[in-house]
Protein backbone atom coordinates (compact mmCIF):
# COMPACT_ATOMS: atom_id res chain seq x y z
CA UNK A 1 -10.98 -15.54 10.59
CA UNK A 2 -14.31 -14.58 9.04
CA UNK A 3 -14.27 -12.28 6.05
CA UNK A 4 -14.49 -8.65 7.13
CA UNK A 5 -16.24 -6.57 4.48
CA UNK A 6 -15.63 -3.33 6.39
CA UNK A 7 -11.89 -3.85 6.00
CA UNK A 8 -12.45 -4.72 2.34
CA UNK A 9 -14.16 -1.37 1.89
CA UNK A 10 -11.28 0.31 3.75
CA UNK A 11 -8.83 -1.25 1.31
CA UNK A 12 -11.02 -0.18 -1.62
CA UNK A 13 -11.03 3.43 -0.45
CA UNK A 14 -7.28 3.22 0.11
CA UNK A 15 -6.53 1.87 -3.39
CA UNK A 16 -8.81 4.49 -4.99
CA UNK A 17 -6.98 7.21 -3.06
CA UNK A 18 -3.65 5.76 -4.20
CA UNK A 19 -4.80 5.97 -7.82
CA UNK A 20 -5.98 9.55 -7.29
CA UNK A 21 -2.61 10.41 -5.77
CA UNK A 22 -0.88 9.21 -8.95
CA UNK A 23 -3.01 11.34 -11.29
CA UNK A 24 -1.53 14.77 -10.45
CA UNK A 25 -3.56 17.95 -10.57
CA UNK A 26 -5.48 17.20 -7.36
CA UNK A 27 -4.03 20.07 -5.30
CA UNK A 28 -5.11 19.98 -1.68
CA UNK A 29 -6.77 16.57 -2.15
CA UNK A 30 -3.42 15.05 -3.11
CA UNK A 31 -1.76 16.47 -0.01
CA UNK A 32 -4.66 15.25 2.12
CA UNK A 33 -4.63 11.65 0.96
CA UNK A 34 -0.83 11.26 1.03
CA UNK A 35 -1.03 11.74 4.80
CA UNK A 36 -2.57 8.32 5.32
CA UNK A 37 -3.41 6.27 2.21
CA UNK A 38 -0.28 4.06 2.22
CA UNK A 39 -0.13 3.57 6.03
CA UNK A 40 -3.76 2.44 5.72
CA UNK A 41 -2.68 -0.67 3.79
CA UNK A 42 -0.16 -1.66 6.46
CA UNK A 43 -2.81 -1.14 9.16
CA UNK A 44 -5.40 -3.27 7.35
CA UNK A 45 -2.79 -6.00 6.83
CA UNK A 46 -1.87 -5.99 10.53
CA UNK A 47 -5.56 -6.23 11.40
CA UNK A 48 -5.48 -9.87 10.26
CA UNK A 49 -2.30 -10.91 12.06
CA UNK A 50 -2.97 -13.92 14.28
CA UNK A 51 -1.26 -14.92 17.50
CA UNK A 52 -1.22 -18.53 16.31
CA UNK A 53 1.80 -17.63 14.15
CA UNK A 54 3.90 -17.16 17.29
CA UNK A 55 4.09 -20.95 17.41
CA UNK A 56 3.96 -21.50 13.65
CA UNK A 57 6.35 -18.99 12.15
CA UNK A 58 7.03 -21.07 9.03
CA UNK A 59 3.40 -20.95 7.94
CA UNK A 60 3.25 -17.18 8.37
CA UNK A 61 6.45 -16.60 6.40
CA UNK A 62 5.31 -18.95 3.64
CA UNK A 63 1.98 -17.13 3.36
CA UNK A 64 3.73 -13.77 3.20
CA UNK A 65 6.09 -14.94 0.48
CA UNK A 66 3.23 -16.51 -1.46
CA UNK A 67 1.04 -13.40 -1.30
CA UNK A 68 3.77 -10.74 -1.71
CA UNK A 69 7.12 -12.04 -3.00
CA UNK A 70 5.77 -14.33 -5.73
CA UNK A 71 3.30 -11.75 -7.15
CA UNK A 72 6.09 -9.17 -7.08
CA UNK A 73 8.34 -11.47 -9.11
CA UNK A 74 5.58 -12.42 -11.55
CA UNK A 75 4.53 -8.90 -12.42
CA UNK A 76 7.99 -7.33 -12.23
CA UNK A 77 9.38 -9.91 -14.63
CA UNK A 78 6.42 -9.42 -16.96
CA UNK A 79 7.02 -5.66 -17.18
CA UNK A 80 10.74 -6.28 -17.50
CA UNK A 81 10.05 -8.45 -20.55
CA UNK A 82 7.72 -5.79 -21.99
CA UNK A 83 9.99 -2.79 -21.30
CA UNK A 84 11.80 -2.55 -24.62
CA UNK A 85 8.65 -3.51 -26.52
CA UNK A 86 6.92 -0.51 -24.91
CA UNK A 87 9.54 1.69 -26.59
CA UNK A 88 8.68 0.22 -29.98
CA UNK A 89 5.02 1.07 -29.37
CA UNK A 90 5.90 4.56 -28.18
CA UNK A 91 4.31 4.02 -24.78
CA UNK A 92 7.76 4.62 -23.28
CA UNK A 93 10.26 6.97 -24.89
CA UNK A 94 13.35 9.01 -24.11
CA UNK A 95 11.72 12.39 -24.69
CA UNK A 96 8.99 12.54 -22.04
CA UNK A 97 9.18 11.22 -18.50
CA UNK A 98 8.44 12.23 -14.93
CA UNK A 99 7.57 15.66 -13.61
CA UNK A 100 11.20 16.37 -12.74
CA UNK A 101 12.31 15.79 -16.32
CA UNK A 102 13.76 12.32 -15.83
CA UNK A 103 13.23 9.80 -18.59
CA UNK A 104 13.65 6.07 -18.93
CA UNK A 105 15.73 4.25 -21.53
CA UNK A 106 15.65 0.89 -23.33
CA UNK A 107 17.44 -1.86 -21.42
CA UNK A 108 20.56 -3.53 -22.72
CA UNK A 109 20.78 -7.31 -22.33
CA UNK A 110 23.13 -6.80 -19.36
CA UNK A 111 20.72 -4.34 -17.68
CA UNK A 112 17.85 -6.78 -18.06
CA UNK A 113 19.89 -9.52 -16.40
CA UNK A 114 20.95 -7.22 -13.58
CA UNK A 115 17.37 -6.08 -13.00
CA UNK A 116 16.27 -9.70 -12.84
CA UNK A 117 18.92 -10.47 -10.24
CA UNK A 118 17.88 -7.44 -8.21
CA UNK A 119 14.22 -8.48 -8.37
CA UNK A 120 14.96 -11.96 -7.11
CA UNK A 121 17.51 -11.03 -4.45
CA UNK A 122 16.29 -7.66 -3.15
CA UNK A 123 12.79 -7.04 -4.54
CA UNK A 124 14.10 -4.07 -6.49
CA UNK A 125 15.04 -3.46 -10.10
CA UNK A 126 11.43 -3.11 -11.25
CA UNK A 127 10.38 -0.71 -14.03
CA UNK A 128 10.09 2.66 -12.30
CA UNK A 129 7.78 4.09 -14.96
CA UNK A 130 5.32 1.19 -15.11
CA UNK A 131 5.72 -0.37 -11.65
CA UNK A 132 6.66 2.61 -9.50
CA UNK A 133 4.46 1.52 -6.59
CA UNK A 134 5.93 -1.97 -6.38
CA UNK A 135 7.98 -0.96 -3.34
CA UNK A 136 4.87 -1.85 -1.35
CA UNK A 137 5.36 -5.59 -1.96
CA UNK A 138 8.78 -5.43 -0.32
CA UNK A 139 7.64 -2.99 2.35
CA UNK A 140 4.77 -5.12 3.58
CA UNK A 141 6.73 -8.38 3.34
CA UNK A 142 9.59 -7.05 5.46
CA UNK A 143 7.33 -5.15 7.87
CA UNK A 144 5.09 -8.12 8.61
CA UNK A 145 7.99 -10.52 9.19
CA UNK A 146 9.87 -7.94 11.26
CA UNK A 147 6.73 -7.47 13.35
CA UNK A 148 6.60 -11.21 14.03
CA UNK A 149 10.29 -11.27 14.97
CA UNK A 150 9.96 -8.35 17.39
CA UNK A 151 6.77 -9.83 18.85
CA UNK A 152 8.52 -13.13 19.58
CA UNK A 153 11.52 -11.34 21.11
CA UNK A 154 9.31 -9.43 23.55
CA UNK A 155 7.20 -12.52 24.18
CA UNK A 156 10.31 -14.47 25.22
CA UNK A 157 11.56 -11.58 27.36
CA UNK A 158 8.29 -11.40 29.30
CA UNK A 159 8.18 -15.16 29.62
CA UNK A 160 11.74 -15.35 31.03
CA UNK A 161 11.03 -12.47 33.40
CA UNK A 162 8.20 -14.46 34.93
CA UNK A 163 5.44 -12.14 33.72
CA UNK A 164 3.38 -15.10 32.53
CA UNK A 165 1.74 -17.11 35.28
CA UNK A 166 0.15 -20.06 33.55
CA UNK A 167 -1.08 -21.51 36.82
CA UNK A 168 -3.33 -18.57 37.49
CA UNK A 169 -5.84 -17.58 34.80
CA UNK A 170 -3.57 -17.94 31.76
CA UNK A 171 -6.20 -16.42 29.47
CA UNK A 172 -5.94 -13.18 31.42
CA UNK A 173 -2.19 -13.00 30.93
CA UNK A 174 -2.59 -13.89 27.27
CA UNK A 175 -4.96 -10.95 26.86
CA UNK A 176 -2.88 -8.48 28.83
CA UNK A 177 0.53 -9.26 27.39
CA UNK A 178 -0.02 -10.70 23.95
CA UNK A 179 -2.92 -8.47 22.97
CA UNK A 180 -1.84 -5.21 24.59
CA UNK A 181 1.55 -4.83 26.22
CA UNK A 182 3.70 -6.68 23.68
CA UNK A 183 2.06 -5.12 20.57
CA UNK A 184 2.51 -1.68 22.13
CA UNK A 185 6.16 -2.48 22.88
CA UNK A 186 6.71 -3.58 19.28
CA UNK A 187 5.09 -0.43 17.91
CA UNK A 188 7.16 1.80 20.19
CA UNK A 189 10.32 -0.04 19.19
CA UNK A 190 9.55 0.52 15.51
CA UNK A 191 8.91 4.21 16.18
CA UNK A 192 12.18 4.57 18.06
CA UNK A 193 14.07 2.89 15.22
CA UNK A 194 12.43 5.18 12.67
CA UNK A 195 13.24 8.21 14.82
CA UNK A 196 16.88 7.15 15.15
CA UNK A 197 17.12 6.46 11.43
CA UNK A 198 15.64 9.76 10.26
CA UNK A 199 17.36 11.85 12.91
CA UNK A 200 20.81 10.55 11.97
CA UNK A 201 20.17 9.94 8.28
CA UNK A 202 20.93 6.22 8.58
CA UNK A 203 20.19 3.53 6.00
CA UNK A 204 19.47 -0.15 6.20
CA UNK A 205 21.91 -1.09 3.47
CA UNK A 206 20.32 -4.51 2.90
CA UNK A 207 17.02 -2.92 1.85
CA UNK A 208 16.39 -1.00 -1.36
CA UNK A 209 15.62 2.67 -0.52
CA UNK A 210 17.08 2.40 2.97
CA UNK A 211 14.36 0.77 5.07
CA UNK A 212 12.29 3.71 6.33
CA UNK A 213 9.08 2.44 4.76
CA UNK A 214 9.64 -1.03 6.18
CA UNK A 215 10.24 0.28 9.71
CA UNK A 216 7.24 2.60 9.66
CA UNK A 217 5.27 -0.20 8.03
CA UNK A 218 6.07 -2.36 11.07
CA UNK A 219 4.61 0.33 13.33
CA UNK A 220 1.42 0.65 11.29
CA UNK A 221 1.12 -3.14 10.95
CA UNK A 222 1.18 -3.34 14.75
CA UNK A 223 -1.41 -0.58 15.02
CA UNK A 224 -3.73 -2.68 12.87
CA UNK A 225 -3.30 -5.68 15.14
CA UNK A 226 -3.94 -3.54 18.23
CA UNK A 227 -7.03 -2.00 16.69
CA UNK A 228 -8.57 -5.42 16.04
CA UNK A 229 -8.16 -6.42 19.69
CA UNK A 230 -10.45 -3.60 20.79
CA UNK A 231 -12.54 -3.01 17.67
CA UNK A 232 -15.57 -4.45 19.45
CA UNK A 233 -15.42 -1.50 21.87
CA UNK A 234 -14.98 1.09 19.14
CA UNK A 235 -18.03 3.22 18.33
CA UNK A 236 -18.45 4.83 14.94
CA UNK A 237 -20.07 8.24 14.65
CA UNK A 238 -20.02 11.21 12.30
CA UNK A 239 -18.57 13.66 14.85
CA UNK A 240 -15.45 11.55 15.40
CA UNK A 241 -15.16 11.05 11.65
CA UNK A 242 -15.24 14.80 11.09
CA UNK A 243 -12.63 15.36 13.80
CA UNK A 244 -10.33 12.75 12.25
CA UNK A 245 -10.79 14.30 8.80
CA UNK A 246 -10.11 17.77 10.19
CA UNK A 247 -6.93 16.56 11.87
CA UNK A 248 -5.64 15.01 8.65
CA UNK A 249 -6.51 18.17 6.70
CA UNK A 250 -4.75 20.39 9.26
CA UNK A 251 -1.58 18.32 9.03
CA UNK A 252 -1.75 18.35 5.23
CA UNK A 253 -1.77 22.15 5.26
CA UNK A 254 0.58 22.86 8.17
CA UNK A 255 2.96 19.88 8.30
CA UNK A 256 2.53 18.00 5.05
CA UNK A 257 4.22 14.60 4.91
CA UNK A 258 3.93 11.14 3.37
CA UNK A 259 5.46 7.68 3.63
CA UNK A 260 8.26 8.66 1.23
CA UNK A 261 11.40 6.52 1.31
CA UNK A 262 13.68 9.55 1.82
CA UNK A 263 11.77 11.00 4.77
CA UNK A 264 13.55 13.43 7.06
CA UNK A 265 13.10 13.72 10.82
CA UNK A 266 10.32 16.32 10.49
CA UNK A 267 8.52 14.06 8.03
CA UNK A 268 8.69 11.22 10.54
CA UNK A 269 7.33 13.39 13.36
CA UNK A 270 4.41 14.55 11.23
CA UNK A 271 3.32 11.11 9.97
CA UNK A 272 1.87 8.90 12.77
CA UNK A 273 -0.99 11.15 13.96
CA UNK A 274 -2.58 11.98 10.57
CA UNK A 275 -1.93 8.43 9.34
CA UNK A 276 -3.83 6.90 12.28
CA UNK A 277 -6.57 9.54 12.11
CA UNK A 278 -6.88 8.90 8.38
CA UNK A 279 -7.32 5.18 9.00
CA UNK A 280 -9.99 5.77 11.66
CA UNK A 281 -11.77 8.22 9.36
CA UNK A 282 -11.72 5.64 6.56
CA UNK A 283 -12.80 2.85 8.90
CA UNK A 284 -15.75 4.92 10.12
CA UNK A 285 -16.87 5.72 6.59
CA UNK A 286 -16.41 2.08 5.58
CA UNK A 287 -18.49 0.89 8.53
CA UNK A 288 -21.32 3.24 7.57
CA UNK A 289 -21.21 2.08 3.94
CA UNK A 290 -21.12 -1.57 5.03
CA UNK A 291 -24.42 -1.21 6.88
CA UNK A 292 -26.42 -0.90 3.66
CA UNK A 293 -26.42 -3.53 0.94
CA UNK A 294 -26.45 -1.38 -2.19
CA UNK A 295 -24.49 -0.99 -5.43
CA UNK A 296 -21.84 1.24 -3.81
CA UNK A 297 -21.15 -1.28 -1.06
CA UNK A 298 -20.96 -4.21 -3.48
CA UNK A 299 -18.61 -2.32 -5.79
CA UNK A 300 -16.30 -1.29 -2.95
CA UNK A 301 -16.20 -4.80 -1.49
CA UNK A 302 -15.30 -6.20 -4.91
CA UNK A 303 -12.72 -3.44 -5.32
CA UNK A 304 -11.24 -4.10 -1.88
CA UNK A 305 -11.04 -7.82 -2.54
CA UNK A 306 -9.18 -7.15 -5.80
CA UNK A 307 -6.76 -4.38 -4.93
CA UNK A 308 -3.87 -6.36 -6.43
CA UNK A 309 -5.02 -5.92 -10.03
CA UNK A 310 -5.50 -2.16 -9.55
CA UNK A 311 -2.15 -1.87 -7.82
CA UNK A 312 -0.36 -3.65 -10.67
CA UNK A 313 -2.18 -2.28 -13.71
CA UNK A 314 -3.43 1.22 -12.87
CA UNK A 315 -0.40 2.98 -14.40
CA UNK A 316 -0.65 1.16 -17.72
CA UNK A 317 -4.42 1.84 -17.67
CA UNK A 318 -3.66 5.56 -17.43
CA UNK A 319 -2.30 5.38 -20.97
CA UNK A 320 -5.84 5.03 -22.34
CA UNK A 321 -6.79 8.38 -20.86
CA UNK A 322 -3.48 9.88 -22.00
CA UNK A 323 -4.47 9.02 -25.58
CA UNK A 324 -7.70 10.95 -25.14
CA UNK A 325 -5.88 13.91 -23.58
CA UNK A 326 -3.36 13.96 -26.44
CA UNK A 327 -6.25 14.09 -28.92
CA UNK A 328 -8.17 16.70 -26.89
CA UNK A 329 -5.27 19.16 -26.59
CA UNK A 330 -3.51 18.24 -29.84
CA UNK A 331 -0.35 17.19 -28.01
CA UNK A 332 2.66 15.27 -29.27
CA UNK A 333 1.78 11.55 -29.25
CA UNK A 334 5.04 10.78 -27.45
CA UNK A 335 3.62 12.48 -24.36
CA UNK A 336 1.93 9.15 -23.69
CA UNK A 337 5.33 8.28 -22.20
CA UNK A 338 4.87 10.79 -19.36
CA UNK A 339 5.07 9.23 -15.91
CA UNK A 340 2.56 8.65 -14.42
CA UNK A 341 0.21 10.89 -16.42
CA UNK A 342 0.58 13.73 -18.92
CA UNK A 343 1.86 16.71 -16.96
CA UNK A 344 0.74 19.42 -19.37
CA UNK A 345 -2.52 21.11 -18.22
CA UNK A 346 -2.61 18.76 -15.21
CA UNK A 347 -3.16 21.62 -12.78
CA UNK A 348 -5.95 23.28 -14.76
CA UNK A 349 -8.21 20.51 -16.05
CA UNK A 350 -10.15 17.61 -14.61
CA UNK A 351 -8.49 14.79 -16.47
CA UNK A 352 -7.41 13.42 -13.09
CA UNK A 353 -11.02 12.26 -12.66
CA UNK A 354 -10.85 10.24 -15.89
CA UNK A 355 -7.43 8.89 -14.96
CA UNK A 356 -8.90 7.72 -11.65
CA UNK A 357 -11.86 6.02 -13.29
CA UNK A 358 -9.60 4.25 -15.79
CA UNK A 359 -7.00 3.32 -13.16
CA UNK A 360 -9.63 1.64 -11.00
CA UNK A 361 -12.24 0.34 -13.42
CA UNK A 362 -10.10 -0.98 -16.29
CA UNK A 363 -8.17 -3.48 -14.09
CA UNK A 364 -11.37 -4.47 -12.28
CA UNK A 365 -13.25 -4.97 -15.54
CA UNK A 366 -10.44 -7.13 -16.90
CA UNK A 367 -10.36 -9.19 -13.69
CA UNK A 368 -14.13 -9.66 -13.71
CA UNK A 369 -14.18 -10.68 -17.38
CA UNK A 370 -11.20 -13.01 -16.97
CA UNK A 371 -12.85 -14.86 -14.09
CA UNK A 372 -16.11 -15.17 -15.98
CA UNK A 373 -14.29 -16.62 -18.99
CA UNK A 374 -12.31 -19.07 -16.85
CA UNK A 375 -15.44 -20.13 -14.97
CA UNK A 376 -17.29 -20.66 -18.27
CA UNK A 377 -14.46 -22.76 -19.69
CA UNK A 378 -14.30 -24.90 -16.54
CA UNK A 379 -18.05 -25.45 -16.50
CA UNK A 380 -17.97 -26.37 -20.17
CA UNK A 381 -15.18 -28.91 -19.64
CA UNK A 382 -16.82 -30.44 -16.60
């Protein structure tokens, strides 16, 4: 599939919104973006799902493990190795922690081994204060594979029921069933499972945090695939964009929700509409930006193509701004250990802007510099 820079811009906007959501002090903006910014990543991932994997499941699973499981292990193990060292530097401490008053502690040798086992076997056990968003690796891995499994189940059902008539315009049946009916059936199945789970308070005991994010991720993944099938018919305009934005804002004020792991039934009911409207709003804005080759477009495309580095390193990058805030307000240095940012004055100042800039630009700058250095070394050697 050809590179889609509009989707890259979508991902860039999504990762910037994620960073903003982790900075605190954003008030209504935080409530607004939590309605859709994480579902957006599942939708953009599903956009690139290909029907060829129905007959080549091994390749799909290998790609998913290579792009999600292996990076999760690499970065989780790195932060596991650095955890106790962060205490020696004061970046983590047992005095300051999250907004609810919880703090982290140095790991014993046994705890480090247990965390490693949990990382390898269940994609859990990661450092909650430095890698709190790492649930997404597991969520997208499980959701994408579960989507493939459900797709194949429905595909076999329709095939055995005689719905496919390969002697009479097989391309037509491929379009109708594999590009419309089956994806819709998979999405509805995921919604029904999420409804059942939240209504009865059930847990998928094999998945860390109970499986809600993975099930809803399957739904949004399927929505992304469906959207791509008919994207050529979709027309972008400012009126629709405003309506989508207004819908998301209304939900954020009247029925606020997010893709939280411990969602209740009301949270589930309130999520799909603003999440899908938020994606369409973002897609519209991204399409308009993509039409003009300027500095903003080039930055967002680069950002969207490098969301991994922001995802992994934005929290540790926040610490640079925390140092400035400690100096500015004369705070205790140990407040650098606050998760994810310093809570004091968060609702009355604009440090969230500086946290956002650091959380996005520091990882991107490091990535850009690293690639330049590697390219220079390779050219020198050759």
